[in-house]
PDB file of N, CA and C in Angstrom:
ATOM      1  N   MET A   1      74.493  99.437 139.042  1.00  0.00           N
ATOM      2  CA  MET A   1      75.706 100.686 138.061  1.00  0.00           C
ATOM      3  C   MET A   1      76.527  99.557 137.685  1.00  0.00           C
ATOM      4  N   SER A   2      77.123  99.895 137.034  1.00  0.00           N
ATOM      5  CA  SER A   2      78.830  98.907 136.713  1.00  0.00           C
ATOM      6  C   SER A   2      79.569 100.492 136.026  1.00  0.00           C
ATOM      7  N   VAL A   3      80.430  99.578 136.761  1.00  0.00           N
ATOM      8  CA  VAL A   3      82.330 100.689 136.190  1.00  0.00           C
ATOM      9  C   VAL A   3      81.939  99.943 135.136  1.00  0.00           C
ATOM     10  N   ARG A   4      82.246 100.855 133.928  1.00  0.00           N
ATOM     11  CA  ARG A   4      83.255 100.544 133.118  1.00  0.00           C
ATOM     12  C   ARG A   4      84.401 101.139 132.957  1.00  0.00           C
ATOM     13  N   ILE A   5      84.952 100.831 132.334  1.00  0.00           N
ATOM     14  CA  ILE A   5      87.095 101.124 132.642  1.00  0.00           C
ATOM     15  C   ILE A   5      87.700 101.430 131.376  1.00  0.00           C
ATOM     16  N   GLY A   6      88.002 101.690 130.662  1.00  0.00           N
ATOM     17  CA  GLY A   6      89.052 102.345 129.594  1.00  0.00           C
ATOM     18  C   GLY A   6      90.388 102.505 129.485  1.00  0.00           C
ATOM     19  N   LEU A   7      90.937 100.992 128.395  1.00  0.00           N
ATOM     20  CA  LEU A   7      91.530 100.330 128.938  1.00  0.00           C
ATOM     21  C   LEU A   7      93.042 101.793 128.121  1.00  0.00           C
ATOM     22  N   VAL A   8      94.842 102.561 128.678  1.00  0.00           N
ATOM     23  CA  VAL A   8      94.676 103.013 127.633  1.00  0.00           C
ATOM     24  C   VAL A   8      95.801 102.196 127.776  1.00  0.00           C
ATOM     25  N   GLY A   9      95.714 101.869 125.882  1.00  0.00           N
ATOM     26  CA  GLY A   9      97.698 101.217 125.812  1.00  0.00           C
ATOM     27  C   GLY A   9      97.180  99.352 125.055  1.00  0.00           C
ATOM     28  N   ALA A  10      98.004  99.187 124.568  1.00  0.00           N
ATOM     29  CA  ALA A  10      98.139  96.851 124.331  1.00  0.00           C
ATOM     30  C   ALA A  10      98.744  96.591 124.096  1.00  0.00           C
ATOM     31  N   GLY A  11     100.350  97.506 125.158  1.00  0.00           N
ATOM     32  CA  GLY A  11     101.319  96.451 125.709  1.00  0.00           C
ATOM     33  C   GLY A  11     101.423  95.692 126.061  1.00  0.00           C
ATOM     34  N   ALA A  12     103.075  95.313 127.330  1.00  0.00           N
ATOM     35  CA  ALA A  12     103.379  93.552 127.696  1.00  0.00           C
ATOM     36  C   ALA A  12     101.696  93.741 128.889  1.00  0.00           C
ATOM     37  N   ILE A  13     101.884  95.661 130.076  1.00  0.00           N
ATOM     38  CA  ILE A  13     101.153  95.401 130.949  1.00  0.00           C
ATOM     39  C   ILE A  13      99.873  96.045 130.761  1.00  0.00           C
ATOM     40  N   ALA A  14      99.495  95.804 129.969  1.00  0.00           N
ATOM     41  CA  ALA A  14      98.088  96.039 129.466  1.00  0.00           C
ATOM     42  C   ALA A  14      97.486  94.767 129.728  1.00  0.00           C
ATOM     43  N   HIS A  15      98.206  94.157 128.432  1.00  0.00           N
ATOM     44  CA  HIS A  15      97.645  92.521 129.521  1.00  0.00           C
ATOM     45  C   HIS A  15      97.017  92.574 129.972  1.00  0.00           C
ATOM     46  N   ALA A  16      98.070  92.175 131.398  1.00  0.00           N
ATOM     47  CA  ALA A  16      98.164  92.427 133.089  1.00  0.00           C
ATOM     48  C   ALA A  16      96.602  93.549 133.998  1.00  0.00           C
ATOM     49  N   HIS A  17      96.696  94.136 133.164  1.00  0.00           N
ATOM     50  CA  HIS A  17      96.183  94.621 133.543  1.00  0.00           C
ATOM     51  C   HIS A  17      93.729  94.182 133.038  1.00  0.00           C
ATOM     52  N   ALA A  18      94.020  93.757 131.583  1.00  0.00           N
ATOM     53  CA  ALA A  18      93.334  93.203 131.306  1.00  0.00           C
ATOM     54  C   ALA A  18      92.471  91.883 131.806  1.00  0.00           C
ATOM     55  N   GLN A  19      93.912  91.494 132.311  1.00  0.00           N
ATOM     56  CA  GLN A  19      93.142  90.216 133.130  1.00  0.00           C
ATOM     57  C   GLN A  19      92.762  90.779 133.955  1.00  0.00           C
ATOM     58  N   SER A  20      92.853  91.502 134.951  1.00  0.00           N
ATOM     59  CA  SER A  20      92.834  91.378 136.097  1.00  0.00           C
ATOM     60  C   SER A  20      90.503  92.037 136.897  1.00  0.00           C
ATOM     61  N   CYS A  21      90.371  92.888 134.970  1.00  0.00           N
ATOM     62  CA  CYS A  21      89.255  93.610 134.470  1.00  0.00           C
ATOM     63  C   CYS A  21      88.574  92.681 134.464  1.00  0.00           C
ATOM     64  N   CYS A  22      88.927  91.110 133.769  1.00  0.00           N
ATOM     65  CA  CYS A  22      88.228  89.883 133.680  1.00  0.00           C
ATOM     66  C   CYS A  22      87.428  89.283 135.362  1.00  0.00           C
ATOM     67  N   ASP A  23      89.197  89.068 135.580  1.00  0.00           N
ATOM     68  CA  ASP A  23      89.154  88.397 137.167  1.00  0.00           C
ATOM     69  C   ASP A  23      88.005  89.188 137.965  1.00  0.00           C
ATOM     70  N   LEU A  24      87.930  90.461 138.496  1.00  0.00           N
ATOM     71  CA  LEU A  24      86.372  91.303 139.345  1.00  0.00           C
ATOM     72  C   LEU A  24      85.311  91.413 138.308  1.00  0.00           C
ATOM     73  N   GLY A  25      85.449  90.528 137.016  1.00  0.00           N
ATOM     74  CA  GLY A  25      84.179  91.168 135.958  1.00  0.00           C
ATOM     75  C   GLY A  25      83.324  92.728 135.781  1.00  0.00           C
ATOM     76  N   LEU A  26      84.557  93.699 135.369  1.00  0.00           N
ATOM     77  CA  LEU A  26      84.503  94.515 134.787  1.00  0.00           C
ATOM     78  C   LEU A  26      84.026  94.707 134.474  1.00  0.00           C
ATOM     79  N   THR A  27      83.696  95.549 133.801  1.00  0.00           N
ATOM     80  CA  THR A  27      83.368  95.969 131.698  1.00  0.00           C
ATOM     81  C   THR A  27      84.295  97.084 130.963  1.00  0.00           C
ATOM     82  N   PHE A  28      84.873  96.934 130.270  1.00  0.00           N
ATOM     83  CA  PHE A  28      86.623  97.759 129.984  1.00  0.00           C
ATOM     84  C   PHE A  28      86.435  97.515 128.816  1.00  0.00           C
ATOM     85  N   GLY A  29      87.215  98.590 128.410  1.00  0.00           N
ATOM     86  CA  GLY A  29      86.986  98.687 126.431  1.00  0.00           C
ATOM     87  C   GLY A  29      89.123  99.188 126.516  1.00  0.00           C
ATOM     88  N   VAL A  30      89.378  99.546 125.370  1.00  0.00           N
ATOM     89  CA  VAL A  30      90.047 100.078 125.366  1.00  0.00           C
ATOM     90  C   VAL A  30      90.923 100.952 123.925  1.00  0.00           C
ATOM     91  N   TRP A  31      91.779 101.317 124.009  1.00  0.00           N
ATOM     92  CA  TRP A  31      92.150 102.214 122.985  1.00  0.00           C
ATOM     93  C   TRP A  31      94.314 102.772 123.104  1.00  0.00           C
ATOM     94  N   ALA A  32      94.297 102.753 121.956  1.00  0.00           N
ATOM     95  CA  ALA A  32      95.972 102.740 122.125  1.00  0.00           C
ATOM     96  C   ALA A  32      96.207 103.453 120.715  1.00  0.00           C
ATOM     97  N   ARG A  33      97.032 104.210 120.727  1.00  0.00           N
ATOM     98  CA  ARG A  33      98.072 104.695 119.495  1.00  0.00           C
ATOM     99  C   ARG A  33      98.382 103.770 118.758  1.00  0.00           C
ATOM    100  N   GLY A  34      96.731 102.975 117.650  1.00  0.00           N
ATOM    101  CA  GLY A  34      96.904 103.181 116.249  1.00  0.00           C
ATOM    102  C   GLY A  34      97.836 100.831 116.204  1.00  0.00           C
ATOM    103  N   HIS A  35      97.246 100.574 117.119  1.00  0.00           N
ATOM    104  CA  HIS A  35      98.073  99.258 117.562  1.00  0.00           C
ATOM    105  C   HIS A  35      96.773  98.448 118.910  1.00  0.00           C
ATOM    106  N   ALA A  36      95.225  98.695 118.617  1.00  0.00           N
ATOM    107  CA  ALA A  36      94.736  98.118 120.221  1.00  0.00           C
ATOM    108  C   ALA A  36      93.677  97.190 118.844  1.00  0.00           C
ATOM    109  N   ALA A  37      94.129  97.344 118.068  1.00  0.00           N
ATOM    110  CA  ALA A  37      93.114  96.231 116.770  1.00  0.00           C
ATOM    111  C   ALA A  37      93.270  94.661 117.626  1.00  0.00           C
ATOM    112  N   ASP A  38      94.697  94.158 117.817  1.00  0.00           N
ATOM    113  CA  ASP A  38      94.924  92.535 117.804  1.00  0.00           C
ATOM    114  C   ASP A  38      94.677  92.384 119.934  1.00  0.00           C
ATOM    115  N   PHE A  39      94.879  93.124 120.109  1.00  0.00           N
ATOM    116  CA  PHE A  39      94.152  93.206 121.681  1.00  0.00           C
ATOM    117  C   PHE A  39      93.094  93.626 122.018  1.00  0.00           C
ATOM    118  N   ALA A  40      92.097  94.215 121.558  1.00  0.00           N
ATOM    119  CA  ALA A  40      90.727  94.113 121.471  1.00  0.00           C
ATOM    120  C   ALA A  40      89.853  92.224 121.039  1.00  0.00           C
ATOM    121  N   ARG A  41      90.907  92.421 120.333  1.00  0.00           N
ATOM    122  CA  ARG A  41      90.963  90.848 119.828  1.00  0.00           C
ATOM    123  C   ARG A  41      90.955  89.895 120.257  1.00  0.00           C
ATOM    124  N   ARG A  42      91.362  89.305 121.478  1.00  0.00           N
ATOM    125  CA  ARG A  42      92.380  88.905 122.166  1.00  0.00           C
ATOM    126  C   ARG A  42      91.300  88.921 123.042  1.00  0.00           C
ATOM    127  N   TRP A  43      91.178  90.249 123.699  1.00  0.00           N
ATOM    128  CA  TRP A  43      90.057  90.402 125.459  1.00  0.00           C
ATOM    129  C   TRP A  43      88.722  90.184 124.365  1.00  0.00           C
ATOM    130  N   SER A  44      88.820  90.371 123.423  1.00  0.00           N
ATOM    131  CA  SER A  44      87.158  90.317 123.171  1.00  0.00           C
ATOM    132  C   SER A  44      86.283  91.152 123.518  1.00  0.00           C
ATOM    133  N   ILE A  45      86.865  92.689 123.947  1.00  0.00           N
ATOM    134  CA  ILE A  45      86.067  94.528 123.907  1.00  0.00           C
ATOM    135  C   ILE A  45      86.575  94.701 122.979  1.00  0.00           C
ATOM    136  N   GLU A  46      85.557  96.072 122.979  1.00  0.00           N
ATOM    137  CA  GLU A  46      85.666  96.984 122.075  1.00  0.00           C
ATOM    138  C   GLU A  46      86.802  97.351 122.102  1.00  0.00           C
ATOM    139  N   GLU A  47      87.467  98.219 120.882  1.00  0.00           N
ATOM    140  CA  GLU A  47      88.131  99.259 120.528  1.00  0.00           C
ATOM    141  C   GLU A  47      88.164 100.901 120.412  1.00  0.00           C
ATOM    142  N   TYR A  48      87.942 101.741 120.590  1.00  0.00           N
ATOM    143  CA  TYR A  48      87.387 103.156 120.395  1.00  0.00           C
ATOM    144  C   TYR A  48      88.879 103.752 119.661  1.00  0.00           C
ATOM    145  N   GLU A  49      88.198 104.378 118.806  1.00  0.00           N
ATOM    146  CA  GLU A  49      88.908 104.689 117.902  1.00  0.00           C
ATOM    147  C   GLU A  49      89.631 105.856 118.257  1.00  0.00           C
ATOM    148  N   THR A  50      89.516 106.510 118.724  1.00  0.00           N
ATOM    149  CA  THR A  50      89.907 107.848 119.269  1.00  0.00           C
ATOM    150  C   THR A  50      89.920 107.804 121.093  1.00  0.00           C
ATOM    151  N   TYR A  51      90.707 108.266 121.603  1.00  0.00           N
ATOM    152  CA  TYR A  51      90.501 108.733 122.659  1.00  0.00           C
ATOM    153  C   TYR A  51      89.768 109.367 124.153  1.00  0.00           C
ATOM    154  N   GLU A  52      89.018 110.115 122.860  1.00  0.00           N
ATOM    155  CA  GLU A  52      88.035 111.026 123.501  1.00  0.00           C
ATOM    156  C   GLU A  52      87.079 109.670 123.540  1.00  0.00           C
ATOM    157  N   SER A  53      86.567 109.055 122.369  1.00  0.00           N
ATOM    158  CA  SER A  53      85.399 108.155 122.205  1.00  0.00           C
ATOM    159  C   SER A  53      85.793 106.849 123.536  1.00  0.00           C
ATOM    160  N   LEU A  54      86.342 106.743 123.396  1.00  0.00           N
ATOM    161  CA  LEU A  54      86.968 106.188 124.697  1.00  0.00           C
ATOM    162  C   LEU A  54      86.011 106.548 126.160  1.00  0.00           C
ATOM    163  N   LEU A  55      86.821 107.867 126.345  1.00  0.00           N
ATOM    164  CA  LEU A  55      86.632 108.943 127.202  1.00  0.00           C
ATOM    165  C   LEU A  55      84.797 109.231 127.389  1.00  0.00           C
ATOM    166  N   ASP A  56      84.293 109.004 126.868  1.00  0.00           N
ATOM    167  CA  ASP A  56      82.774 109.283 126.258  1.00  0.00           C
ATOM    168  C   ASP A  56      82.471 107.931 126.762  1.00  0.00           C
ATOM    169  N   ALA A  57      83.316 106.094 126.676  1.00  0.00           N
ATOM    170  CA  ALA A  57      82.433 105.435 126.822  1.00  0.00           C
ATOM    171  C   ALA A  57      82.825 105.176 129.064  1.00  0.00           C
ATOM    172  N   CYS A  58      83.583 105.092 129.472  1.00  0.00           N
ATOM    173  CA  CYS A  58      84.420 105.208 130.290  1.00  0.00           C
ATOM    174  C   CYS A  58      84.273 105.304 131.732  1.00  0.00           C
ATOM    175  N   ASP A  59      84.049 105.800 133.023  1.00  0.00           N
ATOM    176  CA  ASP A  59      83.722 105.903 134.423  1.00  0.00           C
ATOM    177  C   ASP A  59      85.363 106.256 134.738  1.00  0.00           C
ATOM    178  N   ILE A  60      86.216 105.652 134.765  1.00  0.00           N
ATOM    179  CA  ILE A  60      87.462 105.437 135.077  1.00  0.00           C
ATOM    180  C   ILE A  60      88.300 104.895 133.798  1.00  0.00           C
ATOM    181  N   VAL A  61      89.556 105.835 133.752  1.00  0.00           N
ATOM    182  CA  VAL A  61      90.593 104.881 132.967  1.00  0.00           C
ATOM    183  C   VAL A  61      91.488 104.623 133.376  1.00  0.00           C
ATOM    184  N   LEU A  62      92.314 103.404 132.957  1.00  0.00           N
ATOM    185  CA  LEU A  62      93.411 102.768 133.955  1.00  0.00           C
ATOM    186  C   LEU A  62      93.999 103.118 132.530  1.00  0.00           C
ATOM    187  N   VAL A  63      95.024 103.594 133.153  1.00  0.00           N
ATOM    188  CA  VAL A  63      96.974 103.739 132.042  1.00  0.00           C
ATOM    189  C   VAL A  63      97.459 103.327 131.668  1.00  0.00           C
ATOM    190  N   ALA A  64      97.956 102.275 130.294  1.00  0.00           N
ATOM    191  CA  ALA A  64      99.159 101.553 131.156  1.00  0.00           C
ATOM    192  C   ALA A  64      99.600 101.567 129.249  1.00  0.00           C
ATOM    193  N   ALA A  65      99.856 103.082 129.366  1.00  0.00           N
ATOM    194  CA  ALA A  65     100.510 103.771 128.043  1.00  0.00           C
ATOM    195  C   ALA A  65     102.118 104.111 128.322  1.00  0.00           C
ATOM    196  N   PRO A  66     103.114 103.762 127.551  1.00  0.00           N
ATOM    197  CA  PRO A  66     104.620 104.039 127.662  1.00  0.00           C
ATOM    198  C   PRO A  66     103.955 105.540 128.348  1.00  0.00           C
ATOM    199  N   THR A  67     105.332 105.595 129.752  1.00  0.00           N
ATOM    200  CA  THR A  67     105.644 106.898 130.468  1.00  0.00           C
ATOM    201  C   THR A  67     105.464 107.865 130.333  1.00  0.00           C
ATOM    202  N   PRO A  68     106.363 107.673 129.194  1.00  0.00           N
ATOM    203  CA  PRO A  68     105.854 109.782 128.920  1.00  0.00           C
ATOM    204  C   PRO A  68     104.363 110.094 127.865  1.00  0.00           C
ATOM    205  N   ALA A  69     104.134 109.431 127.919  1.00  0.00           N
ATOM    206  CA  ALA A  69     102.478 109.218 127.574  1.00  0.00           C
ATOM    207  C   ALA A  69     101.505 109.751 128.778  1.00  0.00           C
ATOM    208  N   HIS A  70     101.653 109.712 130.078  1.00  0.00           N
ATOM    209  CA  HIS A  70     100.787 109.681 131.402  1.00  0.00           C
ATOM    210  C   HIS A  70     101.035 111.124 131.287  1.00  0.00           C
ATOM    211  N   GLU A  71     101.503 111.742 131.179  1.00  0.00           N
ATOM    212  CA  GLU A  71     100.657 113.802 131.385  1.00  0.00           C
ATOM    213  C   GLU A  71      99.010 113.817 130.551  1.00  0.00           C
ATOM    214  N   GLU A  72      99.648 113.736 129.881  1.00  0.00           N
ATOM    215  CA  GLU A  72      98.903 113.893 128.700  1.00  0.00           C
ATOM    216  C   GLU A  72      97.218 113.384 128.669  1.00  0.00           C
ATOM    217  N   LEU A  73      97.783 112.296 128.523  1.00  0.00           N
ATOM    218  CA  LEU A  73      96.388 111.502 129.032  1.00  0.00           C
ATOM    219  C   LEU A  73      96.247 111.699 130.325  1.00  0.00           C
ATOM    220  N   VAL A  74      96.826 111.392 130.934  1.00  0.00           N
ATOM    221  CA  VAL A  74      95.684 111.452 132.814  1.00  0.00           C
ATOM    222  C   VAL A  74      95.287 113.468 132.593  1.00  0.00           C
ATOM    223  N   LEU A  75      96.359 114.207 132.689  1.00  0.00           N
ATOM    224  CA  LEU A  75      95.271 115.277 132.304  1.00  0.00           C
ATOM    225  C   LEU A  75      93.665 115.967 131.771  1.00  0.00           C
ATOM    226  N   ALA A  76      93.958 115.009 130.623  1.00  0.00           N
ATOM    227  CA  ALA A  76      92.745 114.702 129.626  1.00  0.00           C
ATOM    228  C   ALA A  76      91.515 114.083 129.898  1.00  0.00           C
ATOM    229  N   ALA A  77      92.174 113.537 130.661  1.00  0.00           N
ATOM    230  CA  ALA A  77      91.668 112.248 131.882  1.00  0.00           C
ATOM    231  C   ALA A  77      90.351 113.051 132.521  1.00  0.00           C
ATOM    232  N   LEU A  78      90.983 113.815 132.600  1.00  0.00           N
ATOM    233  CA  LEU A  78      90.738 114.675 134.658  1.00  0.00           C
ATOM    234  C   LEU A  78      90.479 115.644 134.074  1.00  0.00           C
ATOM    235  N   ALA A  79      90.529 115.793 133.136  1.00  0.00           N
ATOM    236  CA  ALA A  79      89.503 117.320 132.569  1.00  0.00           C
ATOM    237  C   ALA A  79      88.575 117.005 131.751  1.00  0.00           C
ATOM    238  N   ARG A  80      88.294 115.836 131.669  1.00  0.00           N
ATOM    239  CA  ARG A  80      86.768 115.363 131.072  1.00  0.00           C
ATOM    240  C   ARG A  80      85.470 114.762 132.870  1.00  0.00           C
ATOM    241  N   GLY A  81      86.590 114.943 133.831  1.00  0.00           N
ATOM    242  CA  GLY A  81      86.138 114.574 134.647  1.00  0.00           C
ATOM    243  C   GLY A  81      85.775 113.392 135.032  1.00  0.00           C
ATOM    244  N   ARG A  82      86.708 112.644 134.198  1.00  0.00           N
ATOM    245  CA  ARG A  82      87.097 110.947 134.820  1.00  0.00           C
ATOM    246  C   ARG A  82      88.353 110.520 135.709  1.00  0.00           C
ATOM    247  N   ASP A  83      87.505 109.379 136.753  1.00  0.00           N
ATOM    248  CA  ASP A  83      88.580 108.854 138.010  1.00  0.00           C
ATOM    249  C   ASP A  83      90.050 107.931 136.972  1.00  0.00           C
ATOM    250  N   VAL A  84      90.716 108.383 137.846  1.00  0.00           N
ATOM    251  CA  VAL A  84      92.423 107.650 136.966  1.00  0.00           C
ATOM    252  C   VAL A  84      93.270 107.178 137.667  1.00  0.00           C
ATOM    253  N   ILE A  85      93.408 105.552 136.729  1.00  0.00           N
ATOM    254  CA  ILE A  85      94.623 104.922 138.059  1.00  0.00           C
ATOM    255  C   ILE A  85      95.150 104.629 136.407  1.00  0.00           C
TER     256      ILE A  85
END
């Protein structure tokens, strides 16, 4: 079974995490509030339209969003039974 990573955020630090996912050969997709399309094209990955759809598609959530959003995102992921980085 392959682990699927849901990357949350598409800013500068998300690119470093995306590179790490690629280096490790991990499957990953991205969701960000309103600006993940360019990021998804850059990394040739799927962009999810909603956070809920990303949660449905992943095993682990990697939060790379701005710090003030972390609590909401982490709690939602944990409530759905996802591991969180």
